[in-house]
Amino acid sequence: MAKCAHCGKTTTFGHNRSFSMRATNRTFKPNLQKVTMLENGQKVQKTLCARCIRTMVKTA
């Protein structure tokens, strides 16, 4: 499932723009990574986006 377990960030949609400014559909995918972390004294594997991983390291 392409969704961050902390902030809920998912795939968003937009347009590619060619030189002639013709719009074709495209997707923006979040940088999701599987991370093992301690939660209530137990190891838990979560799927987090890169920004959430960075902020968790800063607060810890």
C-alpha atoms as a PDB file:
ATOM      1  CA  MET A   1       0.000   0.000   0.000  1.00  0.00           C
ATOM      2  CA  ALA A   2       1.567   3.293  -1.089  1.00  0.00           C
ATOM      3  CA  LYS A   3       0.759   5.355   1.996  1.00  0.00           C
ATOM      4  CA  CYS A   4       2.853   6.782   4.831  1.00  0.00           C
ATOM      5  CA  ALA A   5       1.851   5.296   8.187  1.00  0.00           C
ATOM      6  CA  HIS A   6       2.538   8.578  10.010  1.00  0.00           C
ATOM      7  CA  CYS A   7       1.311  11.463   7.829  1.00  0.00           C
ATOM      8  CA  GLY A   8      -0.833   9.580   5.288  1.00  0.00           C
ATOM      9  CA  LYS A   9       1.029  10.901   2.231  1.00  0.00           C
ATOM     10  CA  THR A  10      -0.067   9.079  -0.946  1.00  0.00           C
ATOM     11  CA  THR A  11       0.329   9.296  -4.704  1.00  0.00           C
ATOM     12  CA  THR A  12      -0.909  12.588  -6.184  1.00  0.00           C
ATOM     13  CA  PHE A  13      -1.706  13.404  -9.784  1.00  0.00           C
ATOM     14  CA  GLY A  14      -0.730  16.207 -12.102  1.00  0.00           C
ATOM     15  CA  HIS A  15       0.315  16.902 -15.686  1.00  0.00           C
ATOM     16  CA  ASN A  16       3.414  16.561 -17.829  1.00  0.00           C
ATOM     17  CA  ARG A  17       3.868  19.675 -19.941  1.00  0.00           C
ATOM     18  CA  SER A  18       5.555  19.333 -23.319  1.00  0.00           C
ATOM     19  CA  PHE A  19       7.248  22.156 -25.259  1.00  0.00           C
ATOM     20  CA  SER A  20       3.925  22.819 -26.988  1.00  0.00           C
ATOM     21  CA  MET A  21       2.268  22.961 -23.511  1.00  0.00           C
ATOM     22  CA  ARG A  22       0.129  19.894 -24.211  1.00  0.00           C
ATOM     23  CA  ALA A  23      -0.912  18.342 -20.880  1.00  0.00           C
ATOM     24  CA  THR A  24      -0.658  14.592 -20.318  1.00  0.00           C
ATOM     25  CA  ASN A  25      -1.391  12.852 -17.028  1.00  0.00           C
ATOM     26  CA  ARG A  26       1.379  11.871 -14.631  1.00  0.00           C
ATOM     27  CA  THR A  27       1.773  10.736 -11.016  1.00  0.00           C
ATOM     28  CA  PHE A  28       3.852  12.120  -8.168  1.00  0.00           C
ATOM     29  CA  LYS A  29       4.856   9.224  -5.915  1.00  0.00           C
ATOM     30  CA  PRO A  30       6.062   9.771  -2.326  1.00  0.00           C
ATOM     31  CA  ASN A  31       9.488   8.509  -1.257  1.00  0.00           C
ATOM     32  CA  LEU A  32       8.248   5.618   0.908  1.00  0.00           C
ATOM     33  CA  GLN A  33      10.638   3.322   2.760  1.00  0.00           C
ATOM     34  CA  LYS A  34      10.161   0.405   5.148  1.00  0.00           C
ATOM     35  CA  VAL A  35      11.618   1.268   8.551  1.00  0.00           C
ATOM     36  CA  THR A  36      11.958  -0.852  11.682  1.00  0.00           C
ATOM     37  CA  MET A  37      11.398   1.222  14.805  1.00  0.00           C
ATOM     38  CA  LEU A  38      10.756   0.703  18.514  1.00  0.00           C
ATOM     39  CA  GLU A  39       7.180   1.285  19.622  1.00  0.00           C
ATOM     40  CA  ASN A  40       6.221   0.555  23.235  1.00  0.00           C
ATOM     41  CA  GLY A  41       9.379  -1.568  23.621  1.00  0.00           C
ATOM     42  CA  GLN A  42       8.646  -3.735  20.577  1.00  0.00           C
ATOM     43  CA  LYS A  43      10.160  -3.665  17.108  1.00  0.00           C
ATOM     44  CA  VAL A  44       7.572  -2.631  14.524  1.00  0.00           C
ATOM     45  CA  GLN A  45       8.040  -2.360  10.764  1.00  0.00           C
ATOM     46  CA  LYS A  46       6.301   0.665   9.243  1.00  0.00           C
ATOM     47  CA  THR A  47       6.181   2.290   5.829  1.00  0.00           C
ATOM     48  CA  LEU A  48       7.176   5.949   6.222  1.00  0.00           C
ATOM     49  CA  CYS A  49       7.951   8.773   3.817  1.00  0.00           C
ATOM     50  CA  ALA A  50      11.444  10.296   3.861  1.00  0.00           C
ATOM     51  CA  ARG A  51      10.277  13.481   5.593  1.00  0.00           C
ATOM     52  CA  CYS A  52       8.669  11.577   8.473  1.00  0.00           C
ATOM     53  CA  ILE A  53      11.847   9.494   8.894  1.00  0.00           C
ATOM     54  CA  ARG A  54      13.902  12.714   9.089  1.00  0.00           C
ATOM     55  CA  THR A  55      11.647  14.349  11.672  1.00  0.00           C
ATOM     56  CA  MET A  56      11.536  11.200  13.817  1.00  0.00           C
ATOM     57  CA  VAL A  57      15.346  11.141  13.888  1.00  0.00           C
ATOM     58  CA  LYS A  58      15.424  14.832  14.858  1.00  0.00           C
ATOM     59  CA  THR A  59      12.942  14.425  17.736  1.00  0.00           C
ATOM     60  CA  ALA A  60      14.527  11.233  19.094  1.00  0.00           C
END
